[in-house]
Amino acid sequence: MSSLPDLDSNRNLLRALREHGFAGEIAIVARDEAQGMALKQYGAPTVLYPLRNAVDYVVESLTAIIRQEKTP
């Protein structure tokens, strides 16, 4: 799993792993959809979006709290 912040570093990592015959699983963290699409184009098999997932979690949690407050 790579959480390197920039695309060039991740592209170089993917290339090095391929050149050395790495056969394991690879997951790379993306900051946004554009970065995720670029990573996929570079050959990243799995792209993770922790910021988007965190936002989804917060929205779900707040929605649950609001619904509880509205329930008599």
PDB file of N, CA and C in Angstrom:
ATOM      1  N   MET A   1       0.849  -1.166   0.000  1.00  0.00           N
ATOM      2  CA  MET A   1       0.000   0.000   0.000  1.00  0.00           C
ATOM      3  C   MET A   1       0.895   1.229   0.000  1.00  0.00           C
ATOM      4  N   SER A   2       0.562   2.151  -0.873  1.00  0.00           N
ATOM      5  CA  SER A   2       1.321   3.392  -0.967  1.00  0.00           C
ATOM      6  C   SER A   2       0.420   4.560  -0.610  1.00  0.00           C
ATOM      7  N   SER A   3       0.941   5.428   0.228  1.00  0.00           N
ATOM      8  CA  SER A   3       0.239   6.675   0.528  1.00  0.00           C
ATOM      9  C   SER A   3       1.117   7.861   0.150  1.00  0.00           C
ATOM     10  N   LEU A   4       2.038   7.641  -0.799  1.00  0.00           N
ATOM     11  CA  LEU A   4       2.875   8.739  -1.281  1.00  0.00           C
ATOM     12  C   LEU A   4       1.963   9.841  -1.818  1.00  0.00           C
ATOM     13  N   PRO A   5       2.272  11.101  -1.548  1.00  0.00           N
ATOM     14  CA  PRO A   5       1.330  12.176  -1.875  1.00  0.00           C
ATOM     15  C   PRO A   5       1.289  12.616  -3.335  1.00  0.00           C
ATOM     16  N   ASP A   6       2.300  12.261  -4.137  1.00  0.00           N
ATOM     17  CA  ASP A   6       2.298  12.794  -5.502  1.00  0.00           C
ATOM     18  C   ASP A   6       2.261  11.681  -6.553  1.00  0.00           C
ATOM     19  N   LEU A   7       1.709  12.027  -7.700  1.00  0.00           N
ATOM     20  CA  LEU A   7       1.519  11.048  -8.774  1.00  0.00           C
ATOM     21  C   LEU A   7       2.833  10.513  -9.312  1.00  0.00           C
ATOM     22  N   ASP A   8       3.826  11.352  -9.481  1.00  0.00           N
ATOM     23  CA  ASP A   8       5.093  10.886 -10.042  1.00  0.00           C
ATOM     24  C   ASP A   8       5.737   9.812  -9.175  1.00  0.00           C
ATOM     25  N   SER A   9       5.713   9.996  -7.875  1.00  0.00           N
ATOM     26  CA  SER A   9       6.285   8.989  -6.977  1.00  0.00           C
ATOM     27  C   SER A   9       5.539   7.670  -7.090  1.00  0.00           C
ATOM     28  N   ASN A  10       4.232   7.737  -7.159  1.00  0.00           N
ATOM     29  CA  ASN A  10       3.439   6.512  -7.279  1.00  0.00           C
ATOM     30  C   ASN A  10       3.637   5.849  -8.643  1.00  0.00           C
ATOM     31  N   ARG A  11       3.741   6.654  -9.693  1.00  0.00           N
ATOM     32  CA  ARG A  11       4.000   6.092 -11.022  1.00  0.00           C
ATOM     33  C   ARG A  11       5.353   5.381 -11.035  1.00  0.00           C
ATOM     34  N   ASN A  12       6.349   6.008 -10.439  1.00  0.00           N
ATOM     35  CA  ASN A  12       7.672   5.389 -10.367  1.00  0.00           C
ATOM     36  C   ASN A  12       7.650   4.118  -9.527  1.00  0.00           C
ATOM     37  N   LEU A  13       6.895   4.138  -8.452  1.00  0.00           N
ATOM     38  CA  LEU A  13       6.758   2.949  -7.612  1.00  0.00           C
ATOM     39  C   LEU A  13       6.130   1.803  -8.396  1.00  0.00           C
ATOM     40  N   LEU A  14       5.039   2.084  -9.103  1.00  0.00           N
ATOM     41  CA  LEU A  14       4.378   1.045  -9.898  1.00  0.00           C
ATOM     42  C   LEU A  14       5.317   0.483 -10.957  1.00  0.00           C
ATOM     43  N   ARG A  15       6.051   1.359 -11.625  1.00  0.00           N
ATOM     44  CA  ARG A  15       6.983   0.913 -12.655  1.00  0.00           C
ATOM     45  C   ARG A  15       8.080   0.031 -12.048  1.00  0.00           C
ATOM     46  N   ALA A  16       8.632   0.439 -10.918  1.00  0.00           N
ATOM     47  CA  ALA A  16       9.691  -0.336 -10.261  1.00  0.00           C
ATOM     48  C   ALA A  16       9.182  -1.704  -9.812  1.00  0.00           C
ATOM     49  N   LEU A  17       7.981  -1.730  -9.266  1.00  0.00           N
ATOM     50  CA  LEU A  17       7.408  -3.006  -8.837  1.00  0.00           C
ATOM     51  C   LEU A  17       7.235  -3.954 -10.025  1.00  0.00           C
ATOM     52  N   ARG A  18       6.739  -3.421 -11.144  1.00  0.00           N
ATOM     53  CA  ARG A  18       6.578  -4.249 -12.353  1.00  0.00           C
ATOM     54  C   ARG A  18       7.932  -4.745 -12.859  1.00  0.00           C
ATOM     55  N   GLU A  19       8.916  -3.839 -12.915  1.00  0.00           N
ATOM     56  CA  GLU A  19      10.239  -4.202 -13.424  1.00  0.00           C
ATOM     57  C   GLU A  19      10.908  -5.277 -12.579  1.00  0.00           C
ATOM     58  N   HIS A  20      10.597  -5.298 -11.289  1.00  0.00           N
ATOM     59  CA  HIS A  20      11.193  -6.289 -10.395  1.00  0.00           C
ATOM     60  C   HIS A  20      10.319  -7.524 -10.215  1.00  0.00           C
ATOM     61  N   GLY A  21       9.261  -7.608 -10.994  1.00  0.00           N
ATOM     62  CA  GLY A  21       8.420  -8.803 -10.986  1.00  0.00           C
ATOM     63  C   GLY A  21       7.560  -8.979  -9.752  1.00  0.00           C
ATOM     64  N   PHE A  22       7.241  -7.897  -9.081  1.00  0.00           N
ATOM     65  CA  PHE A  22       6.390  -7.998  -7.889  1.00  0.00           C
ATOM     66  C   PHE A  22       5.045  -8.581  -8.274  1.00  0.00           C
ATOM     67  N   ALA A  23       4.633  -9.626  -7.566  1.00  0.00           N
ATOM     68  CA  ALA A  23       3.380 -10.311  -7.894  1.00  0.00           C
ATOM     69  C   ALA A  23       2.325 -10.169  -6.799  1.00  0.00           C
ATOM     70  N   GLY A  24       2.595  -9.343  -5.796  1.00  0.00           N
ATOM     71  CA  GLY A  24       1.648  -9.175  -4.704  1.00  0.00           C
ATOM     72  C   GLY A  24       0.568  -8.159  -5.032  1.00  0.00           C
ATOM     73  N   GLU A  25      -0.265  -7.915  -4.054  1.00  0.00           N
ATOM     74  CA  GLU A  25      -1.344  -6.936  -4.195  1.00  0.00           C
ATOM     75  C   GLU A  25      -0.790  -5.528  -4.022  1.00  0.00           C
ATOM     76  N   ILE A  26      -1.362  -4.595  -4.756  1.00  0.00           N
ATOM     77  CA  ILE A  26      -0.945  -3.198  -4.679  1.00  0.00           C
ATOM     78  C   ILE A  26      -2.186  -2.335  -4.503  1.00  0.00           C
ATOM     79  N   ALA A  27      -2.128  -1.440  -3.537  1.00  0.00           N
ATOM     80  CA  ALA A  27      -3.204  -0.456  -3.338  1.00  0.00           C
ATOM     81  C   ALA A  27      -2.538   0.899  -3.132  1.00  0.00           C
ATOM     82  N   ILE A  28      -3.099   1.914  -3.762  1.00  0.00           N
ATOM     83  CA  ILE A  28      -2.535   3.256  -3.663  1.00  0.00           C
ATOM     84  C   ILE A  28      -3.634   4.231  -3.244  1.00  0.00           C
ATOM     85  N   VAL A  29      -3.279   5.124  -2.352  1.00  0.00           N
ATOM     86  CA  VAL A  29      -4.216   6.123  -1.843  1.00  0.00           C
ATOM     87  C   VAL A  29      -4.279   7.305  -2.812  1.00  0.00           C
ATOM     88  N   ALA A  30      -5.507   7.739  -3.139  1.00  0.00           N
ATOM     89  CA  ALA A  30      -5.725   8.917  -3.982  1.00  0.00           C
ATOM     90  C   ALA A  30      -6.406   9.995  -3.159  1.00  0.00           C
ATOM     91  N   ARG A  31      -6.066  11.225  -3.459  1.00  0.00           N
ATOM     92  CA  ARG A  31      -6.680  12.353  -2.754  1.00  0.00           C
ATOM     93  C   ARG A  31      -8.036  12.721  -3.329  1.00  0.00           C
ATOM     94  N   ASP A  32      -8.196  12.506  -4.644  1.00  0.00           N
ATOM     95  CA  ASP A  32      -9.460  12.858  -5.291  1.00  0.00           C
ATOM     96  C   ASP A  32      -9.660  11.984  -6.530  1.00  0.00           C
ATOM     97  N   GLU A  33     -10.787  12.175  -7.191  1.00  0.00           N
ATOM     98  CA  GLU A  33     -11.142  11.348  -8.343  1.00  0.00           C
ATOM     99  C   GLU A  33     -10.149  11.502  -9.492  1.00  0.00           C
ATOM    100  N   ALA A  34      -9.678  12.719  -9.748  1.00  0.00           N
ATOM    101  CA  ALA A  34      -8.722  12.942 -10.836  1.00  0.00           C
ATOM    102  C   ALA A  34      -7.423  12.186 -10.582  1.00  0.00           C
ATOM    103  N   GLN A  35      -6.942  12.242  -9.351  1.00  0.00           N
ATOM    104  CA  GLN A  35      -5.720  11.517  -9.010  1.00  0.00           C
ATOM    105  C   GLN A  35      -5.958  10.008  -9.108  1.00  0.00           C
ATOM    106  N   GLY A  36      -7.120   9.567  -8.683  1.00  0.00           N
ATOM    107  CA  GLY A  36      -7.448   8.144  -8.765  1.00  0.00           C
ATOM    108  C   GLY A  36      -7.487   7.654 -10.202  1.00  0.00           C
ATOM    109  N   MET A  37      -8.053   8.460 -11.096  1.00  0.00           N
ATOM    110  CA  MET A  37      -8.106   8.082 -12.508  1.00  0.00           C
ATOM    111  C   MET A  37      -6.699   8.007 -13.099  1.00  0.00           C
ATOM    112  N   ALA A  38      -5.846   8.942 -12.738  1.00  0.00           N
ATOM    113  CA  ALA A  38      -4.465   8.917 -13.222  1.00  0.00           C
ATOM    114  C   ALA A  38      -3.739   7.677 -12.714  1.00  0.00           C
ATOM    115  N   LEU A  39      -3.952   7.330 -11.448  1.00  0.00           N
ATOM    116  CA  LEU A  39      -3.325   6.135 -10.886  1.00  0.00           C
ATOM    117  C   LEU A  39      -3.784   4.877 -11.612  1.00  0.00           C
ATOM    118  N   LYS A  40      -5.067   4.809 -11.934  1.00  0.00           N
ATOM    119  CA  LYS A  40      -5.586   3.665 -12.700  1.00  0.00           C
ATOM    120  C   LYS A  40      -4.906   3.601 -14.068  1.00  0.00           C
ATOM    121  N   GLN A  41      -4.718   4.755 -14.712  1.00  0.00           N
ATOM    122  CA  GLN A  41      -4.056   4.786 -16.011  1.00  0.00           C
ATOM    123  C   GLN A  41      -2.601   4.332 -15.904  1.00  0.00           C
ATOM    124  N   TYR A  42      -1.973   4.593 -14.767  1.00  0.00           N
ATOM    125  CA  TYR A  42      -0.597   4.153 -14.548  1.00  0.00           C
ATOM    126  C   TYR A  42      -0.527   2.662 -14.226  1.00  0.00           C
ATOM    127  N   GLY A  43      -1.682   2.040 -14.008  1.00  0.00           N
ATOM    128  CA  GLY A  43      -1.705   0.612 -13.754  1.00  0.00           C
ATOM    129  C   GLY A  43      -1.968   0.198 -12.321  1.00  0.00           C
ATOM    130  N   ALA A  44      -2.396   1.128 -11.489  1.00  0.00           N
ATOM    131  CA  ALA A  44      -2.729   0.774 -10.102  1.00  0.00           C
ATOM    132  C   ALA A  44      -3.981  -0.095 -10.100  1.00  0.00           C
ATOM    133  N   PRO A  45      -3.890  -1.320  -9.583  1.00  0.00           N
ATOM    134  CA  PRO A  45      -5.060  -2.196  -9.592  1.00  0.00           C
ATOM    135  C   PRO A  45      -6.133  -1.793  -8.581  1.00  0.00           C
ATOM    136  N   THR A  46      -5.709  -1.228  -7.457  1.00  0.00           N
ATOM    137  CA  THR A  46      -6.648  -0.825  -6.412  1.00  0.00           C
ATOM    138  C   THR A  46      -6.324   0.600  -5.986  1.00  0.00           C
ATOM    139  N   VAL A  47      -7.322   1.464  -6.037  1.00  0.00           N
ATOM    140  CA  VAL A  47      -7.156   2.849  -5.605  1.00  0.00           C
ATOM    141  C   VAL A  47      -8.106   3.080  -4.431  1.00  0.00           C
ATOM    142  N   LEU A  48      -7.557   3.595  -3.345  1.00  0.00           N
ATOM    143  CA  LEU A  48      -8.340   3.869  -2.135  1.00  0.00           C
ATOM    144  C   LEU A  48      -8.554   5.372  -1.997  1.00  0.00           C
ATOM    145  N   TYR A  49      -9.718   5.739  -1.475  1.00  0.00           N
ATOM    146  CA  TYR A  49     -10.084   7.147  -1.303  1.00  0.00           C
ATOM    147  C   TYR A  49     -10.438   7.408   0.166  1.00  0.00           C
ATOM    148  N   PRO A  50      -9.447   7.503   1.048  1.00  0.00           N
ATOM    149  CA  PRO A  50      -9.765   7.655   2.480  1.00  0.00           C
ATOM    150  C   PRO A  50     -10.486   8.955   2.820  1.00  0.00           C
ATOM    151  N   LEU A  51     -10.169  10.051   2.137  1.00  0.00           N
ATOM    152  CA  LEU A  51     -10.858  11.310   2.443  1.00  0.00           C
ATOM    153  C   LEU A  51     -12.330  11.218   2.065  1.00  0.00           C
ATOM    154  N   ARG A  52     -12.615  10.662   0.903  1.00  0.00           N
ATOM    155  CA  ARG A  52     -14.015  10.509   0.475  1.00  0.00           C
ATOM    156  C   ARG A  52     -14.747   9.563   1.424  1.00  0.00           C
ATOM    157  N   ASN A  53     -14.087   8.490   1.824  1.00  0.00           N
ATOM    158  CA  ASN A  53     -14.715   7.546   2.742  1.00  0.00           C
ATOM    159  C   ASN A  53     -14.975   8.185   4.100  1.00  0.00           C
ATOM    160  N   ALA A  54     -14.064   9.046   4.546  1.00  0.00           N
ATOM    161  CA  ALA A  54     -14.254   9.725   5.826  1.00  0.00           C
ATOM    162  C   ALA A  54     -15.448  10.671   5.757  1.00  0.00           C
ATOM    163  N   VAL A  55     -15.576  11.380   4.665  1.00  0.00           N
ATOM    164  CA  VAL A  55     -16.713  12.294   4.495  1.00  0.00           C
ATOM    165  C   VAL A  55     -18.016  11.508   4.496  1.00  0.00           C
ATOM    166  N   ASP A  56     -18.047  10.394   3.775  1.00  0.00           N
ATOM    167  CA  ASP A  56     -19.249   9.555   3.746  1.00  0.00           C
ATOM    168  C   ASP A  56     -19.623   9.097   5.153  1.00  0.00           C
ATOM    169  N   TYR A  57     -18.617   8.705   5.937  1.00  0.00           N
ATOM    170  CA  TYR A  57     -18.866   8.252   7.303  1.00  0.00           C
ATOM    171  C   TYR A  57     -19.452   9.383   8.155  1.00  0.00           C
ATOM    172  N   VAL A  58     -18.891  10.566   8.038  1.00  0.00           N
ATOM    173  CA  VAL A  58     -19.378  11.705   8.821  1.00  0.00           C
ATOM    174  C   VAL A  58     -20.821  12.027   8.450  1.00  0.00           C
ATOM    175  N   VAL A  59     -21.120  12.037   7.159  1.00  0.00           N
ATOM    176  CA  VAL A  59     -22.491  12.333   6.722  1.00  0.00           C
ATOM    177  C   VAL A  59     -23.458  11.288   7.269  1.00  0.00           C
ATOM    178  N   GLU A  60     -23.094  10.020   7.175  1.00  0.00           N
ATOM    179  CA  GLU A  60     -23.962   8.961   7.699  1.00  0.00           C
ATOM    180  C   GLU A  60     -24.166   9.105   9.205  1.00  0.00           C
ATOM    181  N   SER A  61     -23.100   9.418   9.929  1.00  0.00           N
ATOM    182  CA  SER A  61     -23.190   9.574  11.381  1.00  0.00           C
ATOM    183  C   SER A  61     -24.074  10.754  11.767  1.00  0.00           C
ATOM    184  N   LEU A  62     -23.886  11.882  11.089  1.00  0.00           N
ATOM    185  CA  LEU A  62     -24.706  13.053  11.389  1.00  0.00           C
ATOM    186  C   LEU A  62     -26.172  12.817  11.032  1.00  0.00           C
ATOM    187  N   THR A  63     -26.409  12.135   9.932  1.00  0.00           N
ATOM    188  CA  THR A  63     -27.781  11.807   9.542  1.00  0.00           C
ATOM    189  C   THR A  63     -28.440  10.953  10.610  1.00  0.00           C
ATOM    190  N   ALA A  64     -27.724   9.975  11.125  1.00  0.00           N
ATOM    191  CA  ALA A  64     -28.274   9.113  12.172  1.00  0.00           C
ATOM    192  C   ALA A  64     -28.599   9.915  13.437  1.00  0.00           C
ATOM    193  N   ILE A  65     -27.724  10.848  13.795  1.00  0.00           N
ATOM    194  CA  ILE A  65     -27.961  11.681  14.980  1.00  0.00           C
ATOM    195  C   ILE A  65     -29.205  12.556  14.766  1.00  0.00           C
ATOM    196  N   ILE A  66     -29.328  13.153  13.602  1.00  0.00           N
ATOM    197  CA  ILE A  66     -30.484  14.011  13.311  1.00  0.00           C
ATOM    198  C   ILE A  66     -31.773  13.199  13.350  1.00  0.00           C
ATOM    199  N   ARG A  67     -31.739  12.006  12.789  1.00  0.00           N
ATOM    200  CA  ARG A  67     -32.943  11.154  12.796  1.00  0.00           C
ATOM    201  C   ARG A  67     -33.340  10.762  14.220  1.00  0.00           C
ATOM    202  N   GLN A  68     -32.343  10.502  15.065  1.00  0.00           N
ATOM    203  CA  GLN A  68     -32.632  10.156  16.459  1.00  0.00           C
ATOM    204  C   GLN A  68     -33.277  11.337  17.177  1.00  0.00           C
ATOM    205  N   GLU A  69     -32.808  12.529  16.891  1.00  0.00           N
ATOM    206  CA  GLU A  69     -33.358  13.720  17.557  1.00  0.00           C
ATOM    207  C   GLU A  69     -34.795  13.977  17.112  1.00  0.00           C
ATOM    208  N   LYS A  70     -35.156  13.614  15.901  1.00  0.00           N
ATOM    209  CA  LYS A  70     -36.497  13.834  15.393  1.00  0.00           C
ATOM    210  C   LYS A  70     -37.487  12.769  15.861  1.00  0.00           C
ATOM    211  N   THR A  71     -36.967  11.632  16.325  1.00  0.00           N
ATOM    212  CA  THR A  71     -37.830  10.554  16.776  1.00  0.00           C
ATOM    213  C   THR A  71     -38.377  10.895  18.160  1.00  0.00           C
ATOM    214  N   PRO A  72     -39.715  10.875  18.319  1.00  0.00           N
ATOM    215  CA  PRO A  72     -40.296  11.237  19.620  1.00  0.00           C
ATOM    216  C   PRO A  72     -40.095  10.166  20.666  1.00  0.00           C
TER     217      PRO A  72
END
